[in-house]
């Protein structure tokens, strides 16, 4: 099945005073039959800079921003 982002529910850009260092949010993800809201994870000390992922149907997908910070073009890539 091909998993795609259907909608960006919320997207937050961290500013001063926020304990995140890269953008994060909630994405509506679908595989054609199931639709689910998924919160991005991975913004903690020890992860690589900018690495964000979601978990959908017990699989992990990396969230890749092919756009800019203020106008994201998000895609998903399976993590092995």
C-alpha atoms as a PDB file:
ATOM      1  CA  UNK A   1       0.000   0.000   0.000  1.00  0.00           C
ATOM      2  CA  UNK A   2       1.117   3.541  -0.762  1.00  0.00           C
ATOM      3  CA  UNK A   3       0.850   5.819   2.285  1.00  0.00           C
ATOM      4  CA  UNK A   4       0.259   9.515   1.570  1.00  0.00           C
ATOM      5  CA  UNK A   5      -0.334  12.714   3.506  1.00  0.00           C
ATOM      6  CA  UNK A   6      -3.927  13.761   2.901  1.00  0.00           C
ATOM      7  CA  UNK A   7      -3.907  16.997   4.902  1.00  0.00           C
ATOM      8  CA  UNK A   8      -1.697  19.008   7.247  1.00  0.00           C
ATOM      9  CA  UNK A   9      -3.906  19.489  10.319  1.00  0.00           C
ATOM     10  CA  UNK A  10      -1.438  21.697  12.208  1.00  0.00           C
ATOM     11  CA  UNK A  11       2.155  22.728  11.600  1.00  0.00           C
ATOM     12  CA  UNK A  12       4.223  24.608  14.191  1.00  0.00           C
ATOM     13  CA  UNK A  13       7.473  26.448  13.580  1.00  0.00           C
ATOM     14  CA  UNK A  14       9.413  26.708  16.866  1.00  0.00           C
ATOM     15  CA  UNK A  15      10.459  30.140  18.056  1.00  0.00           C
ATOM     16  CA  UNK A  16      12.230  31.444  21.160  1.00  0.00           C
ATOM     17  CA  UNK A  17      11.085  29.693  24.336  1.00  0.00           C
ATOM     18  CA  UNK A  18       9.925  26.514  22.578  1.00  0.00           C
ATOM     19  CA  UNK A  19      11.819  23.336  23.493  1.00  0.00           C
ATOM     20  CA  UNK A  20      11.726  22.023  19.893  1.00  0.00           C
ATOM     21  CA  UNK A  21      14.422  22.822  17.350  1.00  0.00           C
ATOM     22  CA  UNK A  22      12.678  21.746  14.135  1.00  0.00           C
ATOM     23  CA  UNK A  23       9.124  22.101  12.840  1.00  0.00           C
ATOM     24  CA  UNK A  24       6.483  19.638  14.040  1.00  0.00           C
ATOM     25  CA  UNK A  25       2.766  19.031  13.703  1.00  0.00           C
ATOM     26  CA  UNK A  26      -0.197  16.759  13.117  1.00  0.00           C
ATOM     27  CA  UNK A  27      -0.725  15.137   9.708  1.00  0.00           C
ATOM     28  CA  UNK A  28      -3.777  13.353   8.331  1.00  0.00           C
ATOM     29  CA  UNK A  29      -2.376  10.210   6.668  1.00  0.00           C
ATOM     30  CA  UNK A  30      -4.161   7.661   4.474  1.00  0.00           C
ATOM     31  CA  UNK A  31      -3.353   4.409   2.714  1.00  0.00           C
ATOM     32  CA  UNK A  32      -6.533   4.370   0.614  1.00  0.00           C
ATOM     33  CA  UNK A  33      -8.701   2.529   3.145  1.00  0.00           C
ATOM     34  CA  UNK A  34      -7.651   3.858   6.563  1.00  0.00           C
ATOM     35  CA  UNK A  35      -7.291   7.523   7.503  1.00  0.00           C
ATOM     36  CA  UNK A  36      -5.607   8.580  10.748  1.00  0.00           C
ATOM     37  CA  UNK A  37      -4.242  11.752  12.368  1.00  0.00           C
ATOM     38  CA  UNK A  38      -0.572  11.240  13.269  1.00  0.00           C
ATOM     39  CA  UNK A  39       1.662  13.513  15.353  1.00  0.00           C
ATOM     40  CA  UNK A  40       5.266  13.840  14.220  1.00  0.00           C
ATOM     41  CA  UNK A  41       7.921  12.544  16.606  1.00  0.00           C
ATOM     42  CA  UNK A  42      11.703  12.546  16.759  1.00  0.00           C
ATOM     43  CA  UNK A  43      12.497  16.061  17.910  1.00  0.00           C
ATOM     44  CA  UNK A  44      14.575  15.095  20.957  1.00  0.00           C
ATOM     45  CA  UNK A  45      18.242  15.325  21.813  1.00  0.00           C
ATOM     46  CA  UNK A  46      20.102  12.429  20.209  1.00  0.00           C
ATOM     47  CA  UNK A  47      18.130  12.255  16.957  1.00  0.00           C
ATOM     48  CA  UNK A  48      19.696  13.647  13.816  1.00  0.00           C
ATOM     49  CA  UNK A  49      18.928  17.283  13.102  1.00  0.00           C
ATOM     50  CA  UNK A  50      15.558  17.670  11.446  1.00  0.00           C
ATOM     51  CA  UNK A  51      14.599  13.977  11.593  1.00  0.00           C
ATOM     52  CA  UNK A  52      10.830  13.671  11.970  1.00  0.00           C
ATOM     53  CA  UNK A  53       8.753  10.505  11.700  1.00  0.00           C
ATOM     54  CA  UNK A  54       5.211   9.209  12.167  1.00  0.00           C
ATOM     55  CA  UNK A  55       3.897   5.765  13.004  1.00  0.00           C
ATOM     56  CA  UNK A  56       1.029   4.498  10.831  1.00  0.00           C
ATOM     57  CA  UNK A  57      -0.312   0.915  10.898  1.00  0.00           C
ATOM     58  CA  UNK A  58       2.632  -0.177  13.067  1.00  0.00           C
ATOM     59  CA  UNK A  59       5.192   1.074  10.542  1.00  0.00           C
ATOM     60  CA  UNK A  60       7.478   4.067  10.771  1.00  0.00           C
ATOM     61  CA  UNK A  61       7.622   6.681   8.002  1.00  0.00           C
ATOM     62  CA  UNK A  62      10.064   9.572   7.816  1.00  0.00           C
ATOM     63  CA  UNK A  63       8.507  12.979   7.130  1.00  0.00           C
ATOM     64  CA  UNK A  64      10.548  14.811   4.497  1.00  0.00           C
ATOM     65  CA  UNK A  65      10.032  18.511   3.765  1.00  0.00           C
ATOM     66  CA  UNK A  66      10.784  19.229   0.103  1.00  0.00           C
ATOM     67  CA  UNK A  67       9.528  22.794   0.417  1.00  0.00           C
ATOM     68  CA  UNK A  68      10.559  25.700   2.619  1.00  0.00           C
ATOM     69  CA  UNK A  69      10.104  26.316   6.327  1.00  0.00           C
ATOM     70  CA  UNK A  70       7.029  28.562   5.994  1.00  0.00           C
ATOM     71  CA  UNK A  71       5.483  26.698   3.037  1.00  0.00           C
ATOM     72  CA  UNK A  72       6.170  22.980   3.594  1.00  0.00           C
ATOM     73  CA  UNK A  73       5.786  20.343   0.876  1.00  0.00           C
ATOM     74  CA  UNK A  74       5.749  17.208   3.007  1.00  0.00           C
ATOM     75  CA  UNK A  75       6.224  13.650   1.753  1.00  0.00           C
ATOM     76  CA  UNK A  76       6.592  10.296   3.507  1.00  0.00           C
ATOM     77  CA  UNK A  77       9.436   7.818   3.104  1.00  0.00           C
ATOM     78  CA  UNK A  78       9.338   4.313   4.674  1.00  0.00           C
ATOM     79  CA  UNK A  79      12.010   3.612   7.278  1.00  0.00           C
ATOM     80  CA  UNK A  80      13.423   0.085   7.151  1.00  0.00           C
END
